[in-house]
Amino acid sequence: MLDSISKLVQVLSVVVGVVVSIWSFTNAQKSEAEARAKEAEARKLELARPFLELRQKFYLEAVHAAAVLANPEVQTDEDLDKARKRFRELYVAELSMVECPTVEASMVKLAQTIDKDLTRLTPAQSAALDLAHALRDTFVVAWEVEGTCAPSP
């Protein structure tokens, strides 16, 4: 009987050892997969950095021009002209190349509120806007920045 118990304990020990080994291996595999996923996400963000930095630069320029145009009573005519010119440049091409749809809608709304002429585009300006949007679409795919925009309200 003692011999049977001894053999049972040995078999149970082997089974427990195998189970623990499988569990450890599975945990190690899971940890490695999570680490690889985090590394891939970090690489993706690093690849998108130039696009995101350019977007941030143009957003800051747009908000500066908007601040000047939204407060004309405290601005010089020269500052207003510069801001209107820069707003138009951003509106027609540069910002349109990197902006999120919510920012695009806000730029249109601001332009309509401040000066309706800002939304009237010449054929050349419309073509530039179309080009900027086409470039934006390729950037979104190439740099995988689809999820970098806030959802629409």
Foldseek 3Di string as FASTA:
>chain_A
DVVVVVVVVVVVVVVVVVVVVVVVVVVVVVVVVVVVVVVVVVVLCVLCVVLVVQLVVLVVLLVVLLVCLVCVVPDDPVSVVVSLVSLLVCLQARNLLRDDPVVNVVSQVSCVVRPVVSVDDDPVSNVRSVVSNVNSVVSCVVSVCVPVDDDDD
